[in-house]
C-alpha atoms as a PDB file:
ATOM      1  CA  UNK A   1    -144.759 -24.436 -88.086  1.00  0.00           C
ATOM      2  CA  UNK A   2    -143.041 -22.268 -90.678  1.00  0.00           C
ATOM      3  CA  UNK A   3    -144.336 -22.070 -94.189  1.00  0.00           C
ATOM      4  CA  UNK A   4    -141.768 -23.024 -96.800  1.00  0.00           C
ATOM      5  CA  UNK A   5    -141.680 -21.137-100.047  1.00  0.00           C
ATOM      6  CA  UNK A   6    -139.981 -21.963-103.287  1.00  0.00           C
ATOM      7  CA  UNK A   7    -138.979 -19.425-105.892  1.00  0.00           C
ATOM      8  CA  UNK A   8    -139.770 -20.944-109.284  1.00  0.00           C
ATOM      9  CA  UNK A   9    -137.458 -18.458-110.996  1.00  0.00           C
ATOM     10  CA  UNK A  10    -134.355 -20.050-109.511  1.00  0.00           C
ATOM     11  CA  UNK A  11    -131.518 -18.596-107.479  1.00  0.00           C
ATOM     12  CA  UNK A  12    -130.706 -14.927-107.805  1.00  0.00           C
ATOM     13  CA  UNK A  13    -127.007 -15.714-108.078  1.00  0.00           C
ATOM     14  CA  UNK A  14    -127.524 -17.308-111.513  1.00  0.00           C
ATOM     15  CA  UNK A  15    -128.546 -14.279-113.549  1.00  0.00           C
ATOM     16  CA  UNK A  16    -127.847 -16.010-116.881  1.00  0.00           C
ATOM     17  CA  UNK A  17    -131.160 -17.854-116.437  1.00  0.00           C
ATOM     18  CA  UNK A  18    -132.914 -14.524-117.071  1.00  0.00           C
ATOM     19  CA  UNK A  19    -131.719 -14.410-120.685  1.00  0.00           C
ATOM     20  CA  UNK A  20    -134.218 -17.028-121.816  1.00  0.00           C
ATOM     21  CA  UNK A  21    -137.322 -15.210-120.590  1.00  0.00           C
ATOM     22  CA  UNK A  22    -136.446 -11.614-119.664  1.00  0.00           C
ATOM     23  CA  UNK A  23    -133.486 -10.180-121.560  1.00  0.00           C
ATOM     24  CA  UNK A  24    -134.017  -6.645-120.247  1.00  0.00           C
ATOM     25  CA  UNK A  25    -133.677  -7.850-116.669  1.00  0.00           C
ATOM     26  CA  UNK A  26    -130.561  -9.833-117.565  1.00  0.00           C
ATOM     27  CA  UNK A  27    -128.890  -6.714-119.010  1.00  0.00           C
ATOM     28  CA  UNK A  28    -129.922  -4.708-115.932  1.00  0.00           C
ATOM     29  CA  UNK A  29    -128.476  -7.284-113.527  1.00  0.00           C
ATOM     30  CA  UNK A  30    -125.321  -7.873-115.573  1.00  0.00           C
ATOM     31  CA  UNK A  31    -124.478  -4.178-115.742  1.00  0.00           C
ATOM     32  CA  UNK A  32    -125.317  -3.799-112.046  1.00  0.00           C
ATOM     33  CA  UNK A  33    -122.947  -6.595-111.087  1.00  0.00           C
ATOM     34  CA  UNK A  34    -120.174  -5.133-113.208  1.00  0.00           C
ATOM     35  CA  UNK A  35    -120.898  -1.639-111.875  1.00  0.00           C
ATOM     36  CA  UNK A  36    -120.273  -2.524-108.217  1.00  0.00           C
ATOM     37  CA  UNK A  37    -116.549  -3.428-108.468  1.00  0.00           C
ATOM     38  CA  UNK A  38    -115.953  -0.730-111.086  1.00  0.00           C
ATOM     39  CA  UNK A  39    -117.476   1.888-108.757  1.00  0.00           C
ATOM     40  CA  UNK A  40    -115.294   0.682-105.877  1.00  0.00           C
ATOM     41  CA  UNK A  41    -112.177   0.870-108.052  1.00  0.00           C
ATOM     42  CA  UNK A  42    -113.257   4.339-109.207  1.00  0.00           C
ATOM     43  CA  UNK A  43    -113.627   5.484-105.594  1.00  0.00           C
ATOM     44  CA  UNK A  44    -110.125   4.200-104.833  1.00  0.00           C
ATOM     45  CA  UNK A  45    -108.719   6.043-107.854  1.00  0.00           C
ATOM     46  CA  UNK A  46    -110.540   9.234-106.799  1.00  0.00           C
ATOM     47  CA  UNK A  47    -109.001   8.891-103.331  1.00  0.00           C
ATOM     48  CA  UNK A  48    -105.541   8.419-104.804  1.00  0.00           C
ATOM     49  CA  UNK A  49    -106.105  11.469-107.021  1.00  0.00           C
ATOM     50  CA  UNK A  50    -107.160  13.515-103.986  1.00  0.00           C
ATOM     51  CA  UNK A  51    -104.058  12.675-101.924  1.00  0.00           C
ATOM     52  CA  UNK A  52    -101.503  12.289-104.745  1.00  0.00           C
ATOM     53  CA  UNK A  53    -102.657  14.413-107.689  1.00  0.00           C
ATOM     54  CA  UNK A  54    -101.102  13.688-111.061  1.00  0.00           C
ATOM     55  CA  UNK A  55    -102.176  14.036-114.670  1.00  0.00           C
ATOM     56  CA  UNK A  56    -102.140  10.294-115.260  1.00  0.00           C
ATOM     57  CA  UNK A  57    -104.346   9.533-112.264  1.00  0.00           C
ATOM     58  CA  UNK A  58    -106.627  12.451-113.218  1.00  0.00           C
ATOM     59  CA  UNK A  59    -107.058  10.986-116.705  1.00  0.00           C
ATOM     60  CA  UNK A  60    -107.676   7.538-115.252  1.00  0.00           C
ATOM     61  CA  UNK A  61    -110.271   8.917-112.833  1.00  0.00           C
ATOM     62  CA  UNK A  62    -112.097  10.660-115.699  1.00  0.00           C
ATOM     63  CA  UNK A  63    -112.131   7.458-117.738  1.00  0.00           C
ATOM     64  CA  UNK A  64    -113.401   5.445-114.766  1.00  0.00           C
ATOM     65  CA  UNK A  65    -116.090   8.054-114.093  1.00  0.00           C
ATOM     66  CA  UNK A  66    -117.278   7.767-117.693  1.00  0.00           C
ATOM     67  CA  UNK A  67    -117.254   3.971-117.422  1.00  0.00           C
ATOM     68  CA  UNK A  68    -119.466   4.165-114.335  1.00  0.00           C
ATOM     69  CA  UNK A  69    -121.740   6.556-116.249  1.00  0.00           C
ATOM     70  CA  UNK A  70    -122.062   4.062-119.125  1.00  0.00           C
ATOM     71  CA  UNK A  71    -122.633   1.101-116.804  1.00  0.00           C
ATOM     72  CA  UNK A  72    -125.395   3.060-115.078  1.00  0.00           C
ATOM     73  CA  UNK A  73    -127.484   3.375-118.275  1.00  0.00           C
ATOM     74  CA  UNK A  74    -129.614   0.238-117.653  1.00  0.00           C
ATOM     75  CA  UNK A  75    -130.278   1.394-114.081  1.00  0.00           C
ATOM     76  CA  UNK A  76    -131.581   4.744-115.362  1.00  0.00           C
ATOM     77  CA  UNK A  77    -133.770   2.971-117.915  1.00  0.00           C
ATOM     78  CA  UNK A  78    -135.241   0.486-115.435  1.00  0.00           C
ATOM     79  CA  UNK A  79    -135.840   3.143-112.772  1.00  0.00           C
ATOM     80  CA  UNK A  80    -137.697   5.422-115.176  1.00  0.00           C
ATOM     81  CA  UNK A  81    -139.607   2.417-116.507  1.00  0.00           C
ATOM     82  CA  UNK A  82    -140.567   1.532-112.938  1.00  0.00           C
ATOM     83  CA  UNK A  83    -141.784   5.078-112.370  1.00  0.00           C
ATOM     84  CA  UNK A  84    -143.970   4.753-115.474  1.00  0.00           C
ATOM     85  CA  UNK A  85    -145.370   1.410-114.342  1.00  0.00           C
ATOM     86  CA  UNK A  86    -146.175   2.712-110.860  1.00  0.00           C
ATOM     87  CA  UNK A  87    -147.702   5.961-112.121  1.00  0.00           C
ATOM     88  CA  UNK A  88    -150.052   4.124-114.513  1.00  0.00           C
ATOM     89  CA  UNK A  89    -150.831   1.133-112.270  1.00  0.00           C
ATOM     90  CA  UNK A  90    -149.093  -1.200-114.700  1.00  0.00           C
ATOM     91  CA  UNK A  91    -150.835  -0.133-117.878  1.00  0.00           C
ATOM     92  CA  UNK A  92    -147.696   1.301-119.433  1.00  0.00           C
ATOM     93  CA  UNK A  93    -144.811  -1.159-119.813  1.00  0.00           C
ATOM     94  CA  UNK A  94    -146.682  -3.602-117.600  1.00  0.00           C
ATOM     95  CA  UNK A  95    -147.328  -7.242-118.287  1.00  0.00           C
ATOM     96  CA  UNK A  96    -151.030  -7.282-117.578  1.00  0.00           C
ATOM     97  CA  UNK A  97    -153.309  -9.724-119.339  1.00  0.00           C
ATOM     98  CA  UNK A  98    -155.805  -8.472-121.894  1.00  0.00           C
ATOM     99  CA  UNK A  99    -158.892  -9.378-119.821  1.00  0.00           C
ATOM    100  CA  UNK A 100    -157.675  -7.285-116.897  1.00  0.00           C
ATOM    101  CA  UNK A 101    -156.971  -4.325-119.155  1.00  0.00           C
ATOM    102  CA  UNK A 102    -160.430  -4.541-120.692  1.00  0.00           C
ATOM    103  CA  UNK A 103    -162.074  -4.880-117.270  1.00  0.00           C
ATOM    104  CA  UNK A 104    -160.348  -1.748-116.049  1.00  0.00           C
ATOM    105  CA  UNK A 105    -162.385   0.487-118.327  1.00  0.00           C
ATOM    106  CA  UNK A 106    -162.069   3.420-115.943  1.00  0.00           C
ATOM    107  CA  UNK A 107    -158.481   3.849-117.099  1.00  0.00           C
ATOM    108  CA  UNK A 108    -158.365   6.218-120.035  1.00  0.00           C
ATOM    109  CA  UNK A 109    -155.289   6.876-122.079  1.00  0.00           C
ATOM    110  CA  UNK A 110    -154.674  10.533-121.656  1.00  0.00           C
ATOM    111  CA  UNK A 111    -151.779  12.683-122.743  1.00  0.00           C
ATOM    112  CA  UNK A 112    -149.697  11.427-119.827  1.00  0.00           C
ATOM    113  CA  UNK A 113    -149.927   7.874-121.149  1.00  0.00           C
ATOM    114  CA  UNK A 114    -147.633   8.679-124.057  1.00  0.00           C
ATOM    115  CA  UNK A 115    -145.285  10.552-121.755  1.00  0.00           C
ATOM    116  CA  UNK A 116    -145.051   7.555-119.429  1.00  0.00           C
ATOM    117  CA  UNK A 117    -144.430   5.233-122.373  1.00  0.00           C
ATOM    118  CA  UNK A 118    -141.639   7.487-123.609  1.00  0.00           C
ATOM    119  CA  UNK A 119    -140.160   8.295-120.177  1.00  0.00           C
ATOM    120  CA  UNK A 120    -137.526   5.508-120.093  1.00  0.00           C
ATOM    121  CA  UNK A 121    -136.322   6.415-123.574  1.00  0.00           C
ATOM    122  CA  UNK A 122    -136.290  10.138-122.779  1.00  0.00           C
ATOM    123  CA  UNK A 123    -134.278   9.374-119.647  1.00  0.00           C
ATOM    124  CA  UNK A 124    -131.723   7.454-121.733  1.00  0.00           C
ATOM    125  CA  UNK A 125    -131.487  10.346-124.206  1.00  0.00           C
ATOM    126  CA  UNK A 126    -130.877  12.867-121.396  1.00  0.00           C
ATOM    127  CA  UNK A 127    -128.408  10.524-119.667  1.00  0.00           C
ATOM    128  CA  UNK A 128    -126.482   9.958-122.911  1.00  0.00           C
ATOM    129  CA  UNK A 129    -126.477  13.688-123.679  1.00  0.00           C
ATOM    130  CA  UNK A 130    -124.893  14.237-120.275  1.00  0.00           C
ATOM    131  CA  UNK A 131    -122.263  11.624-121.098  1.00  0.00           C
ATOM    132  CA  UNK A 132    -121.478  13.305-124.412  1.00  0.00           C
ATOM    133  CA  UNK A 133    -121.363  16.746-122.789  1.00  0.00           C
ATOM    134  CA  UNK A 134    -119.017  15.745-119.996  1.00  0.00           C
ATOM    135  CA  UNK A 135    -116.810  13.832-122.433  1.00  0.00           C
ATOM    136  CA  UNK A 136    -116.597  16.899-124.658  1.00  0.00           C
ATOM    137  CA  UNK A 137    -115.713  19.120-121.697  1.00  0.00           C
ATOM    138  CA  UNK A 138    -112.969  16.783-120.531  1.00  0.00           C
ATOM    139  CA  UNK A 139    -111.417  15.542-123.755  1.00  0.00           C
ATOM    140  CA  UNK A 140    -112.036  18.132-126.478  1.00  0.00           C
END
């Protein structure tokens, strides 16, 4: 006899349901779903540029590359946030209840705690600086 499970969060195909209780996850999933077809179109444009180089297609491929870069921002944020959560056993950016945090007295906030809290935001700053730098190299 197989055990039946039911996911109380609802189907994964309806990401709009996330907006009511987890906006960050909604943004992550929305950008991810937009990113997939945009990345495929970008790969096609890169292929066209490789076999039939032209200035117009080169400009279009640069613009598409920058669009992929922008759409990847939430993925960078969530990945670095996940690294912080894993590295601190959920104490930083986690959703642990207060009793559990108090019971885990062996955890001490050390200098790395602030680094792990800031890591997602530092990652976004570095990622955005890369976007600005590559845009300046290509268009200025």
